[in-house]
C-alpha cells in the first residue's frame, strides 16, 4: 500500500491552478486540505469549492484574512493541519505548500521517498541567536518587541512603534524554555510532530506570544 502523504495548500489567487493541483494529488490517494484567503472574491472561492465538492479526499478550512509576516498565516496552517489529522488518520506526513507551488516530481515519488523516512521531519529551522539567517530586516529584535501593526500595509505605524520601543529598550519576556528559530514557511512534518504541536500543553502561551511577533 502506498505511504499516505497529506497536503495542506494555502492560496489566495490563481484558483484554477489550485483545482488542478488538488485533482492531481488526489489521483494518487493523497488527501488535500485547502485554505483560501478570506479576501479572495467569494465567487472565485465558490467556483473552486463546487468544482472539488465531489472529491472525497478534499477538505476546506474556514477562511481567514492572512497576510505576510502575520500570525493568521500560522493559524490558517494549524486549522488545516487539525482537519488533516482528524479526517485522514492514515496520513503519515503532511506537506505545507502554497497555491503557487507546482510539483517538479510526481506525488508517487514523494510518497515512496517519505515511506522510508517515516520518523523524519523536513523543515528549515535556524536558531536566531546562533546564525545570521536574516539578510535584511529584523533578527533578534522581532522576538524582543511588540508588533501590533503590519509591516506591509501599516508601514508608518510599524516603523514608529519599532522606533519608540528601541528608545524605551523594550525587551519582551519569552515563555520559559522557548528558543526562537527562523526558517522557510514551508515544511513537511510527521503526524507525530504535528500532533505534539497541536496538543502542546503550553500552546496558548505560545500563541499569545507569537501573535505580536
N, C-alpha and C. Protein backbone atom coordinates (compact mmCIF):
# COMPACT_ATOMS: atom_id res chain seq x y z
N UNK A 1 0.84 -1.20 0.00
CA UNK A 1 0.00 0.00 0.00
C UNK A 1 0.87 1.25 0.00
N UNK A 2 0.49 2.24 -0.81
CA UNK A 2 1.26 3.48 -0.90
C UNK A 2 1.25 4.23 0.42
N UNK A 3 2.42 4.72 0.81
CA UNK A 3 2.51 5.53 2.03
C UNK A 3 1.70 6.80 1.83
N UNK A 4 0.91 7.15 2.83
CA UNK A 4 -0.03 8.27 2.69
C UNK A 4 0.60 9.60 3.11
N UNK A 5 0.59 10.54 2.20
CA UNK A 5 1.08 11.90 2.45
C UNK A 5 -0.07 12.86 2.22
N UNK A 6 -0.31 13.76 3.18
CA UNK A 6 -1.35 14.75 3.03
C UNK A 6 -0.76 16.10 2.67
N UNK A 7 -1.54 16.89 1.94
CA UNK A 7 -1.08 18.21 1.50
C UNK A 7 -2.00 19.29 2.05
N UNK A 8 -1.41 20.29 2.66
CA UNK A 8 -2.13 21.49 3.06
C UNK A 8 -1.73 22.59 2.09
N UNK A 9 -2.73 23.20 1.45
CA UNK A 9 -2.48 24.23 0.45
C UNK A 9 -3.06 25.56 0.94
N UNK A 10 -2.19 26.57 1.04
CA UNK A 10 -2.63 27.93 1.35
C UNK A 10 -2.63 28.74 0.05
N UNK A 11 -3.77 29.32 -0.28
CA UNK A 11 -3.86 30.03 -1.57
C UNK A 11 -4.70 31.29 -1.43
N UNK A 12 -4.45 32.23 -2.35
CA UNK A 12 -5.26 33.45 -2.38
C UNK A 12 -5.56 33.90 -3.81
N UNK A 13 -4.94 33.25 -4.79
CA UNK A 13 -5.18 33.62 -6.19
C UNK A 13 -4.93 32.40 -7.08
N UNK A 14 -5.20 32.57 -8.38
CA UNK A 14 -4.99 31.50 -9.36
C UNK A 14 -5.66 30.20 -8.91
N UNK A 15 -6.93 30.28 -8.56
CA UNK A 15 -7.62 29.13 -8.01
C UNK A 15 -7.81 28.01 -9.02
N UNK A 16 -7.73 28.32 -10.31
CA UNK A 16 -7.79 27.26 -11.31
C UNK A 16 -6.60 26.32 -11.15
N UNK A 17 -5.44 26.91 -10.85
CA UNK A 17 -4.24 26.10 -10.62
C UNK A 17 -4.41 25.26 -9.35
N UNK A 18 -5.02 25.83 -8.33
CA UNK A 18 -5.26 25.08 -7.09
C UNK A 18 -6.14 23.87 -7.38
N UNK A 19 -7.18 24.06 -8.19
CA UNK A 19 -8.06 22.96 -8.56
C UNK A 19 -7.29 21.86 -9.28
N UNK A 20 -6.44 22.25 -10.22
CA UNK A 20 -5.66 21.26 -10.97
C UNK A 20 -4.72 20.49 -10.05
N UNK A 21 -4.07 21.23 -9.13
CA UNK A 21 -3.13 20.59 -8.22
C UNK A 21 -3.85 19.61 -7.29
N UNK A 22 -4.99 20.03 -6.74
CA UNK A 22 -5.75 19.17 -5.83
C UNK A 22 -6.21 17.91 -6.55
N UNK A 23 -6.71 18.06 -7.76
CA UNK A 23 -7.17 16.90 -8.51
C UNK A 23 -6.02 15.95 -8.82
N UNK A 24 -4.87 16.50 -9.15
CA UNK A 24 -3.71 15.65 -9.44
C UNK A 24 -3.27 14.88 -8.21
N UNK A 25 -3.14 15.57 -7.08
CA UNK A 25 -2.65 14.92 -5.86
C UNK A 25 -3.59 13.83 -5.39
N UNK A 26 -4.88 14.06 -5.49
CA UNK A 26 -5.83 13.06 -5.00
C UNK A 26 -5.92 11.84 -5.92
N UNK A 27 -5.46 11.94 -7.16
CA UNK A 27 -5.43 10.75 -8.02
C UNK A 27 -4.43 9.73 -7.51
N UNK A 28 -3.49 10.17 -6.66
CA UNK A 28 -2.52 9.24 -6.06
C UNK A 28 -2.89 8.95 -4.61
N UNK A 29 -4.17 9.16 -4.27
CA UNK A 29 -4.71 8.88 -2.93
C UNK A 29 -4.09 9.76 -1.84
N UNK A 30 -3.65 10.94 -2.21
CA UNK A 30 -3.13 11.90 -1.23
C UNK A 30 -4.23 12.89 -0.88
N UNK A 31 -4.68 12.94 0.37
CA UNK A 31 -5.72 13.90 0.76
C UNK A 31 -5.18 15.33 0.73
N UNK A 32 -6.07 16.27 0.50
CA UNK A 32 -5.71 17.68 0.37
C UNK A 32 -6.65 18.52 1.23
N UNK A 33 -6.08 19.40 2.04
CA UNK A 33 -6.86 20.37 2.81
C UNK A 33 -6.47 21.76 2.32
N UNK A 34 -7.46 22.56 1.97
CA UNK A 34 -7.21 23.84 1.32
C UNK A 34 -7.72 24.99 2.17
N UNK A 35 -6.88 26.02 2.29
CA UNK A 35 -7.32 27.28 2.90
C UNK A 35 -7.22 28.38 1.84
N UNK A 36 -8.33 29.07 1.62
CA UNK A 36 -8.37 30.18 0.68
C UNK A 36 -8.55 31.48 1.47
N UNK A 37 -7.67 32.43 1.22
CA UNK A 37 -7.71 33.70 1.93
C UNK A 37 -9.10 34.32 1.85
N UNK A 38 -9.52 34.91 2.96
CA UNK A 38 -10.86 35.49 3.03
C UNK A 38 -11.04 36.67 2.09
N UNK A 39 -9.94 37.29 1.68
CA UNK A 39 -10.05 38.44 0.78
C UNK A 39 -10.18 38.02 -0.69
N UNK A 40 -10.00 36.75 -0.95
CA UNK A 40 -10.26 36.25 -2.31
C UNK A 40 -11.77 36.35 -2.58
N UNK A 41 -12.16 36.88 -3.74
CA UNK A 41 -13.60 37.05 -4.01
C UNK A 41 -14.40 35.77 -3.77
N UNK A 42 -15.55 35.92 -3.13
CA UNK A 42 -16.36 34.76 -2.78
C UNK A 42 -16.78 33.98 -4.02
N UNK A 43 -17.02 34.68 -5.13
CA UNK A 43 -17.42 33.97 -6.35
C UNK A 43 -16.33 33.01 -6.80
N UNK A 44 -15.07 33.41 -6.69
CA UNK A 44 -13.95 32.55 -7.07
C UNK A 44 -13.85 31.36 -6.13
N UNK A 45 -14.02 31.63 -4.83
CA UNK A 45 -13.97 30.53 -3.86
C UNK A 45 -15.10 29.54 -4.10
N UNK A 46 -16.31 30.05 -4.32
CA UNK A 46 -17.45 29.16 -4.53
C UNK A 46 -17.26 28.29 -5.77
N UNK A 47 -16.68 28.88 -6.80
CA UNK A 47 -16.44 28.11 -8.02
C UNK A 47 -15.46 26.96 -7.75
N UNK A 48 -14.41 27.24 -6.97
CA UNK A 48 -13.44 26.20 -6.63
C UNK A 48 -14.09 25.13 -5.76
N UNK A 49 -14.82 25.56 -4.74
CA UNK A 49 -15.47 24.61 -3.82
C UNK A 49 -16.44 23.71 -4.57
N UNK A 50 -17.19 24.28 -5.51
CA UNK A 50 -18.14 23.49 -6.30
C UNK A 50 -17.42 22.47 -7.17
N UNK A 51 -16.30 22.89 -7.76
CA UNK A 51 -15.54 22.01 -8.65
C UNK A 51 -14.95 20.82 -7.90
N UNK A 52 -14.62 21.03 -6.61
CA UNK A 52 -13.96 19.97 -5.84
C UNK A 52 -14.90 19.28 -4.85
N UNK A 53 -16.14 19.68 -4.84
CA UNK A 53 -17.09 19.19 -3.84
C UNK A 53 -17.27 17.68 -3.87
N UNK A 54 -17.19 17.10 -5.05
CA UNK A 54 -17.42 15.66 -5.17
C UNK A 54 -16.18 14.82 -4.91
N UNK A 55 -15.06 15.47 -4.66
CA UNK A 55 -13.82 14.74 -4.42
C UNK A 55 -13.74 14.37 -2.94
N UNK A 56 -13.77 13.10 -2.61
CA UNK A 56 -13.82 12.69 -1.19
C UNK A 56 -12.52 12.93 -0.43
N UNK A 57 -11.44 13.27 -1.14
CA UNK A 57 -10.14 13.48 -0.49
C UNK A 57 -9.80 14.96 -0.32
N UNK A 58 -10.76 15.83 -0.58
CA UNK A 58 -10.53 17.28 -0.47
C UNK A 58 -11.38 17.85 0.65
N UNK A 59 -10.76 18.69 1.48
CA UNK A 59 -11.48 19.43 2.52
C UNK A 59 -11.08 20.91 2.44
N UNK A 60 -11.98 21.78 2.91
CA UNK A 60 -11.69 23.21 3.02
C UNK A 60 -11.76 23.60 4.50
N UNK A 61 -10.94 24.56 4.89
CA UNK A 61 -10.99 25.08 6.25
C UNK A 61 -11.62 26.46 6.25
N UNK A 62 -12.17 26.90 7.40
CA UNK A 62 -12.73 28.25 7.47
C UNK A 62 -11.72 29.29 7.02
N UNK A 63 -12.20 30.27 6.30
CA UNK A 63 -11.31 31.25 5.68
C UNK A 63 -10.90 32.34 6.67
N UNK A 64 -9.63 32.67 6.65
CA UNK A 64 -9.08 33.75 7.46
C UNK A 64 -8.46 34.81 6.54
N UNK A 65 -8.37 36.04 7.06
CA UNK A 65 -7.63 37.09 6.36
C UNK A 65 -6.15 36.94 6.70
N UNK A 66 -5.39 36.45 5.76
CA UNK A 66 -3.98 36.20 6.01
C UNK A 66 -3.13 37.29 5.37
N UNK A 67 -1.94 37.47 5.93
CA UNK A 67 -1.03 38.49 5.41
C UNK A 67 0.40 38.08 5.74
N UNK A 68 1.29 38.37 4.84
CA UNK A 68 2.69 38.02 5.00
C UNK A 68 3.21 38.55 6.35
N UNK A 69 3.90 37.66 7.07
CA UNK A 69 4.53 38.08 8.32
C UNK A 69 3.60 38.15 9.52
N UNK A 70 2.33 37.80 9.35
CA UNK A 70 1.37 37.92 10.44
C UNK A 70 0.91 36.54 10.92
N UNK A 71 0.40 36.50 12.13
CA UNK A 71 0.07 35.24 12.80
C UNK A 71 -1.06 34.49 12.11
N UNK A 72 -1.91 35.17 11.35
CA UNK A 72 -3.03 34.48 10.73
C UNK A 72 -2.59 33.45 9.71
N UNK A 73 -1.41 33.63 9.12
CA UNK A 73 -0.88 32.59 8.23
C UNK A 73 -0.59 31.32 9.01
N UNK A 74 -0.05 31.48 10.20
CA UNK A 74 0.21 30.33 11.06
C UNK A 74 -1.11 29.69 11.48
N UNK A 75 -2.08 30.52 11.87
CA UNK A 75 -3.37 29.99 12.30
C UNK A 75 -4.07 29.23 11.18
N UNK A 76 -3.98 29.76 9.97
CA UNK A 76 -4.58 29.06 8.82
C UNK A 76 -3.91 27.71 8.61
N UNK A 77 -2.61 27.68 8.78
CA UNK A 77 -1.87 26.41 8.63
C UNK A 77 -2.30 25.42 9.70
N UNK A 78 -2.40 25.87 10.95
CA UNK A 78 -2.78 24.98 12.05
C UNK A 78 -4.23 24.52 11.93
N UNK A 79 -5.12 25.40 11.48
CA UNK A 79 -6.50 24.99 11.22
C UNK A 79 -6.53 23.81 10.25
N UNK A 80 -5.75 23.96 9.19
CA UNK A 80 -5.74 22.94 8.14
C UNK A 80 -5.10 21.65 8.62
N UNK A 81 -4.05 21.76 9.41
CA UNK A 81 -3.42 20.58 9.98
C UNK A 81 -4.41 19.83 10.88
N UNK A 82 -5.17 20.57 11.67
CA UNK A 82 -6.16 19.94 12.54
C UNK A 82 -7.17 19.13 11.75
N UNK A 83 -7.64 19.68 10.63
CA UNK A 83 -8.58 18.95 9.78
C UNK A 83 -7.93 17.71 9.19
N UNK A 84 -6.69 17.86 8.72
CA UNK A 84 -5.99 16.74 8.12
C UNK A 84 -5.83 15.58 9.11
N UNK A 85 -5.38 15.88 10.31
CA UNK A 85 -5.15 14.82 11.30
C UNK A 85 -6.45 14.16 11.73
N UNK A 86 -7.51 14.93 11.82
CA UNK A 86 -8.79 14.39 12.28
C UNK A 86 -9.50 13.57 11.20
N UNK A 87 -9.43 14.04 9.97
CA UNK A 87 -10.23 13.43 8.90
C UNK A 87 -9.49 12.31 8.15
N UNK A 88 -8.17 12.33 8.22
CA UNK A 88 -7.40 11.35 7.45
C UNK A 88 -6.38 10.67 8.35
N UNK A 89 -6.82 9.69 9.15
CA UNK A 89 -5.96 9.07 10.15
C UNK A 89 -4.80 8.25 9.59
N UNK A 90 -4.82 7.93 8.31
CA UNK A 90 -3.74 7.13 7.73
C UNK A 90 -2.59 7.99 7.20
N UNK A 91 -2.74 9.30 7.23
CA UNK A 91 -1.68 10.18 6.74
C UNK A 91 -0.48 10.12 7.68
N UNK A 92 0.70 9.89 7.12
CA UNK A 92 1.92 9.80 7.93
C UNK A 92 2.74 11.07 7.95
N UNK A 93 2.81 11.77 6.80
CA UNK A 93 3.47 13.07 6.69
C UNK A 93 2.45 14.08 6.14
N UNK A 94 2.64 15.34 6.51
CA UNK A 94 1.83 16.42 5.96
C UNK A 94 2.78 17.46 5.36
N UNK A 95 2.52 17.82 4.11
CA UNK A 95 3.34 18.84 3.45
C UNK A 95 2.55 20.12 3.30
N UNK A 96 3.15 21.23 3.74
CA UNK A 96 2.54 22.55 3.58
C UNK A 96 3.06 23.17 2.29
N UNK A 97 2.14 23.63 1.45
CA UNK A 97 2.55 24.26 0.20
C UNK A 97 1.60 25.42 -0.12
N UNK A 98 2.00 26.22 -1.08
CA UNK A 98 1.18 27.37 -1.47
C UNK A 98 0.41 27.04 -2.74
N UNK A 99 -0.56 27.87 -3.04
CA UNK A 99 -1.31 27.69 -4.26
C UNK A 99 -0.51 27.98 -5.50
N UNK A 100 0.67 28.56 -5.33
CA UNK A 100 1.55 28.85 -6.47
C UNK A 100 2.57 27.74 -6.71
N UNK A 101 2.56 26.72 -5.84
CA UNK A 101 3.54 25.63 -5.97
C UNK A 101 3.06 24.60 -7.00
N UNK A 102 4.00 24.14 -7.80
CA UNK A 102 3.74 23.04 -8.72
C UNK A 102 4.82 21.99 -8.50
N UNK A 103 4.45 20.73 -8.40
CA UNK A 103 5.44 19.69 -8.13
C UNK A 103 6.40 19.49 -9.30
N UNK A 104 7.69 19.35 -8.97
CA UNK A 104 8.68 19.08 -10.02
C UNK A 104 8.94 17.59 -10.16
N UNK A 105 8.38 16.80 -9.23
CA UNK A 105 8.42 15.35 -9.33
C UNK A 105 7.02 14.82 -9.00
N UNK A 106 6.79 13.58 -9.32
CA UNK A 106 5.45 13.03 -9.12
C UNK A 106 5.14 12.84 -7.64
N UNK A 107 3.85 12.86 -7.33
CA UNK A 107 3.41 12.63 -5.96
C UNK A 107 3.81 11.23 -5.51
N UNK A 108 3.82 10.27 -6.43
CA UNK A 108 4.22 8.92 -6.09
C UNK A 108 5.68 8.85 -5.66
N UNK A 109 6.54 9.61 -6.31
CA UNK A 109 7.95 9.64 -5.93
C UNK A 109 8.11 10.18 -4.51
N UNK A 110 7.35 11.22 -4.18
CA UNK A 110 7.45 11.79 -2.83
C UNK A 110 6.93 10.78 -1.80
N UNK A 111 5.84 10.11 -2.10
CA UNK A 111 5.31 9.11 -1.18
C UNK A 111 6.32 8.00 -0.95
N UNK A 112 6.97 7.55 -2.02
CA UNK A 112 7.97 6.50 -1.90
C UNK A 112 9.15 6.97 -1.06
N UNK A 113 9.57 8.21 -1.28
CA UNK A 113 10.69 8.78 -0.53
C UNK A 113 10.38 8.84 0.96
N UNK A 114 9.19 9.34 1.30
CA UNK A 114 8.82 9.52 2.71
C UNK A 114 8.51 8.18 3.39
N UNK A 115 8.13 7.19 2.62
CA UNK A 115 7.81 5.88 3.21
C UNK A 115 9.03 5.25 3.86
N UNK A 116 10.23 5.63 3.42
CA UNK A 116 11.46 5.11 4.02
C UNK A 116 12.03 6.06 5.07
N UNK A 117 11.30 7.12 5.36
CA UNK A 117 11.73 8.12 6.34
C UNK A 117 10.55 8.51 7.22
N UNK A 118 9.87 7.51 7.73
CA UNK A 118 8.60 7.75 8.42
C UNK A 118 8.75 8.51 9.73
N UNK A 119 9.93 8.57 10.31
CA UNK A 119 10.10 9.32 11.55
C UNK A 119 10.85 10.62 11.35
N UNK A 120 11.00 11.06 10.10
CA UNK A 120 11.83 12.22 9.80
C UNK A 120 11.00 13.44 9.45
N UNK A 121 11.32 14.57 10.09
CA UNK A 121 10.69 15.85 9.76
C UNK A 121 11.60 16.63 8.82
N UNK A 122 11.00 17.35 7.89
CA UNK A 122 11.75 18.17 6.94
C UNK A 122 11.32 19.63 7.12
N UNK A 123 12.25 20.43 7.66
CA UNK A 123 11.95 21.83 7.94
C UNK A 123 13.25 22.61 8.05
N UNK A 124 13.26 23.83 7.54
CA UNK A 124 14.40 24.71 7.73
C UNK A 124 14.22 25.42 9.06
N UNK A 125 15.13 25.19 9.99
CA UNK A 125 14.98 25.72 11.34
C UNK A 125 16.35 26.17 11.85
N UNK A 126 16.51 27.48 12.02
CA UNK A 126 17.80 28.06 12.41
C UNK A 126 17.62 28.91 13.65
N UNK A 127 18.42 28.67 14.66
CA UNK A 127 18.35 29.48 15.88
C UNK A 127 18.75 30.92 15.58
N UNK A 128 17.88 31.85 15.93
CA UNK A 128 18.14 33.26 15.63
C UNK A 128 19.33 33.78 16.41
N UNK A 129 19.64 33.14 17.52
CA UNK A 129 20.72 33.62 18.37
C UNK A 129 22.10 33.08 17.95
N UNK A 130 22.09 32.08 17.09
CA UNK A 130 23.35 31.45 16.71
C UNK A 130 23.73 31.63 15.25
N UNK A 131 22.78 31.99 14.39
CA UNK A 131 23.05 32.07 12.97
C UNK A 131 22.59 33.41 12.40
N UNK A 132 23.30 33.88 11.38
CA UNK A 132 22.92 35.11 10.67
C UNK A 132 22.02 34.72 9.49
N UNK A 133 20.81 34.29 9.81
CA UNK A 133 19.89 33.85 8.77
C UNK A 133 19.25 35.03 8.06
N UNK A 134 18.95 36.08 8.82
CA UNK A 134 18.27 37.25 8.26
C UNK A 134 19.27 38.09 7.47
N UNK A 135 18.95 38.34 6.18
CA UNK A 135 19.84 39.12 5.33
C UNK A 135 19.51 40.62 5.38
N UNK A 136 18.24 40.94 5.51
CA UNK A 136 17.84 42.34 5.52
C UNK A 136 16.56 42.47 6.34
N UNK A 137 16.68 43.08 7.51
CA UNK A 137 15.49 43.22 8.35
C UNK A 137 15.78 42.87 9.79
N UNK A 138 14.71 42.75 10.56
CA UNK A 138 14.85 42.48 11.98
C UNK A 138 15.25 41.04 12.23
N UNK A 139 16.15 40.85 13.17
CA UNK A 139 16.56 39.50 13.53
C UNK A 139 16.09 39.21 14.94
N UNK A 140 16.99 39.32 15.94
CA UNK A 140 16.62 39.05 17.33
C UNK A 140 15.53 40.01 17.79
N UNK A 141 15.55 41.25 17.26
CA UNK A 141 14.57 42.25 17.69
C UNK A 141 13.12 41.80 17.49
N UNK A 142 12.88 40.99 16.48
CA UNK A 142 11.50 40.61 16.22
C UNK A 142 10.90 39.79 17.35
N UNK A 143 11.77 39.21 18.19
CA UNK A 143 11.30 38.42 19.33
C UNK A 143 11.34 39.22 20.63
N UNK A 144 11.89 40.43 20.59
CA UNK A 144 12.03 41.22 21.81
C UNK A 144 11.01 42.35 21.92
N UNK A 145 10.43 42.73 20.77
CA UNK A 145 9.49 43.85 20.78
C UNK A 145 8.10 43.39 20.36
N UNK A 146 7.12 44.30 20.52
CA UNK A 146 5.74 44.03 20.13
C UNK A 146 5.51 44.58 18.73
N UNK A 147 4.77 43.83 17.91
CA UNK A 147 4.49 44.27 16.55
C UNK A 147 3.00 44.17 16.27
N UNK A 148 2.23 45.16 16.75
CA UNK A 148 0.78 45.12 16.56
C UNK A 148 0.35 45.58 15.17
N UNK A 149 1.28 46.15 14.38
CA UNK A 149 0.92 46.70 13.07
C UNK A 149 1.63 45.94 11.95
N UNK A 150 0.99 45.92 10.81
CA UNK A 150 1.51 45.19 9.65
C UNK A 150 2.67 45.94 9.00
N UNK A 151 3.73 45.21 8.71
CA UNK A 151 4.88 45.81 8.02
C UNK A 151 4.50 46.20 6.59
N UNK A 152 3.60 45.44 5.98
CA UNK A 152 3.27 45.68 4.58
C UNK A 152 2.22 46.77 4.39
N UNK A 153 1.17 46.76 5.20
CA UNK A 153 0.05 47.67 4.95
C UNK A 153 -0.03 48.84 5.93
N UNK A 154 0.76 48.78 7.02
CA UNK A 154 0.76 49.86 8.01
C UNK A 154 2.21 50.26 8.33
N UNK A 155 2.96 50.52 7.27
CA UNK A 155 4.40 50.71 7.41
C UNK A 155 4.77 51.86 8.35
N UNK A 156 4.09 52.97 8.27
CA UNK A 156 4.44 54.10 9.14
C UNK A 156 4.22 53.77 10.61
N UNK A 157 3.08 53.16 10.91
CA UNK A 157 2.82 52.77 12.29
C UNK A 157 3.82 51.71 12.75
N UNK A 158 4.15 50.79 11.86
CA UNK A 158 5.13 49.75 12.18
C UNK A 158 6.48 50.39 12.54
N UNK A 159 6.96 51.28 11.70
CA UNK A 159 8.26 51.92 11.93
C UNK A 159 8.24 52.79 13.18
N UNK A 160 7.13 53.49 13.40
CA UNK A 160 7.03 54.39 14.56
C UNK A 160 7.07 53.61 15.87
N UNK A 161 6.27 52.55 15.94
CA UNK A 161 6.25 51.77 17.19
C UNK A 161 7.57 51.03 17.40
N UNK A 162 8.22 50.63 16.34
CA UNK A 162 9.52 49.98 16.47
C UNK A 162 10.55 50.96 17.01
N UNK A 163 10.53 52.20 16.49
CA UNK A 163 11.48 53.24 16.93
C UNK A 163 11.26 53.55 18.42
N UNK A 164 9.99 53.69 18.82
CA UNK A 164 9.68 54.01 20.21
C UNK A 164 10.17 52.89 21.14
N UNK A 165 9.94 51.65 20.74
CA UNK A 165 10.35 50.53 21.59
C UNK A 165 11.86 50.43 21.71
N UNK A 166 12.56 50.79 20.65
CA UNK A 166 14.03 50.82 20.74
C UNK A 166 14.48 51.87 21.75
N UNK A 167 13.83 53.02 21.69
CA UNK A 167 14.19 54.09 22.62
C UNK A 167 13.89 53.69 24.06
N UNK A 168 12.80 52.99 24.26
CA UNK A 168 12.41 52.57 25.61
C UNK A 168 13.10 51.27 26.04
N UNK A 169 13.86 50.69 25.11
CA UNK A 169 14.57 49.43 25.38
C UNK A 169 13.62 48.32 25.83
N UNK A 170 12.55 48.21 25.07
CA UNK A 170 11.57 47.16 25.34
C UNK A 170 12.21 45.79 25.10
N UNK A 171 11.99 44.87 26.02
CA UNK A 171 12.50 43.51 25.89
C UNK A 171 11.44 42.55 26.42
N UNK A 172 10.64 42.03 25.52
CA UNK A 172 9.55 41.15 25.92
C UNK A 172 10.08 39.90 26.62
N UNK A 173 9.28 39.43 27.54
CA UNK A 173 9.62 38.17 28.19
C UNK A 173 9.06 37.01 27.37
N UNK A 174 9.93 36.10 26.99
CA UNK A 174 9.51 34.94 26.25
C UNK A 174 9.02 33.85 27.19
N UNK A 175 8.12 33.00 26.71
CA UNK A 175 7.73 31.83 27.51
C UNK A 175 8.97 31.02 27.88
N UNK A 176 8.98 30.48 29.07
CA UNK A 176 10.15 29.73 29.55
C UNK A 176 10.50 28.60 28.58
N UNK A 177 11.81 28.43 28.40
CA UNK A 177 12.37 27.34 27.58
C UNK A 177 12.05 27.47 26.10
N UNK A 178 11.59 28.63 25.67
CA UNK A 178 11.33 28.85 24.25
C UNK A 178 12.56 29.47 23.59
N UNK A 179 13.10 28.79 22.60
CA UNK A 179 14.27 29.29 21.86
C UNK A 179 13.81 29.63 20.45
N UNK A 180 13.74 30.93 20.09
CA UNK A 180 13.23 31.32 18.78
C UNK A 180 14.09 30.79 17.64
N UNK A 181 13.42 30.33 16.60
CA UNK A 181 14.08 29.87 15.39
C UNK A 181 13.45 30.57 14.18
N UNK A 182 14.22 30.63 13.12
CA UNK A 182 13.75 31.19 11.86
C UNK A 182 13.89 30.12 10.77
N UNK A 183 13.26 30.37 9.64
CA UNK A 183 13.38 29.44 8.52
C UNK A 183 12.27 29.66 7.53
N UNK A 184 12.24 28.82 6.52
CA UNK A 184 11.22 28.91 5.50
C UNK A 184 9.84 28.62 6.08
N UNK A 185 8.82 29.22 5.49
CA UNK A 185 7.45 28.97 5.92
C UNK A 185 7.02 27.54 5.59
N UNK A 186 7.64 26.92 4.60
CA UNK A 186 7.17 25.65 4.05
C UNK A 186 7.90 24.47 4.67
N UNK A 187 7.17 23.38 4.92
CA UNK A 187 7.75 22.23 5.60
C UNK A 187 6.99 20.97 5.24
N UNK A 188 7.57 19.83 5.66
CA UNK A 188 6.90 18.52 5.56
C UNK A 188 7.18 17.79 6.87
N UNK A 189 6.16 17.67 7.71
CA UNK A 189 6.33 17.14 9.06
C UNK A 189 5.52 15.87 9.27
N UNK A 190 5.97 15.06 10.22
CA UNK A 190 5.27 13.82 10.52
C UNK A 190 3.99 14.08 11.31
N UNK A 191 3.09 13.12 11.24
CA UNK A 191 1.86 13.18 12.03
C UNK A 191 2.18 13.34 13.52
N UNK A 192 3.20 12.60 14.00
CA UNK A 192 3.54 12.63 15.42
C UNK A 192 3.98 14.03 15.85
N UNK A 193 4.81 14.66 15.05
CA UNK A 193 5.28 16.00 15.38
C UNK A 193 4.13 17.00 15.37
N UNK A 194 3.29 16.92 14.34
CA UNK A 194 2.16 17.85 14.25
C UNK A 194 1.17 17.65 15.39
N UNK A 195 0.96 16.42 15.80
CA UNK A 195 0.06 16.15 16.92
C UNK A 195 0.60 16.78 18.20
N UNK A 196 1.93 16.72 18.38
CA UNK A 196 2.53 17.34 19.55
C UNK A 196 2.37 18.86 19.52
N UNK A 197 2.49 19.44 18.33
CA UNK A 197 2.31 20.89 18.20
C UNK A 197 0.86 21.28 18.51
N UNK A 198 -0.08 20.54 17.94
CA UNK A 198 -1.49 20.87 18.11
C UNK A 198 -1.94 20.71 19.57
N UNK A 199 -1.34 19.76 20.27
CA UNK A 199 -1.77 19.46 21.64
C UNK A 199 -0.76 19.88 22.69
N UNK A 200 0.15 20.78 22.33
CA UNK A 200 1.17 21.22 23.28
C UNK A 200 0.50 21.82 24.53
N UNK A 201 0.90 21.41 25.72
CA UNK A 201 0.28 21.92 26.96
C UNK A 201 0.36 23.43 27.09
N UNK A 202 1.41 24.04 26.53
CA UNK A 202 1.58 25.49 26.67
C UNK A 202 1.28 26.22 25.36
N UNK A 203 0.51 25.60 24.52
CA UNK A 203 0.25 26.21 23.21
C UNK A 203 -0.40 27.59 23.33
N UNK A 204 -1.32 27.75 24.27
CA UNK A 204 -1.99 29.05 24.41
C UNK A 204 -1.00 30.16 24.74
N UNK A 205 0.00 29.85 25.57
CA UNK A 205 1.03 30.84 25.90
C UNK A 205 1.88 31.17 24.68
N UNK A 206 2.21 30.15 23.90
CA UNK A 206 2.98 30.38 22.68
C UNK A 206 2.17 31.20 21.67
N UNK A 207 0.89 30.89 21.55
CA UNK A 207 0.04 31.63 20.61
C UNK A 207 -0.03 33.10 20.99
N UNK A 208 -0.18 33.39 22.28
CA UNK A 208 -0.23 34.79 22.72
C UNK A 208 1.08 35.51 22.41
N UNK A 209 2.17 34.83 22.68
CA UNK A 209 3.49 35.45 22.46
C UNK A 209 3.69 35.77 20.97
N UNK A 210 3.46 34.79 20.12
CA UNK A 210 3.75 34.97 18.69
C UNK A 210 2.72 35.82 17.97
N UNK A 211 1.58 36.07 18.60
CA UNK A 211 0.56 36.89 17.94
C UNK A 211 1.03 38.32 17.71
N UNK A 212 2.05 38.75 18.45
CA UNK A 212 2.59 40.10 18.26
C UNK A 212 4.08 40.05 17.88
N UNK A 213 4.44 38.98 17.18
CA UNK A 213 5.83 38.82 16.76
C UNK A 213 5.90 38.88 15.25
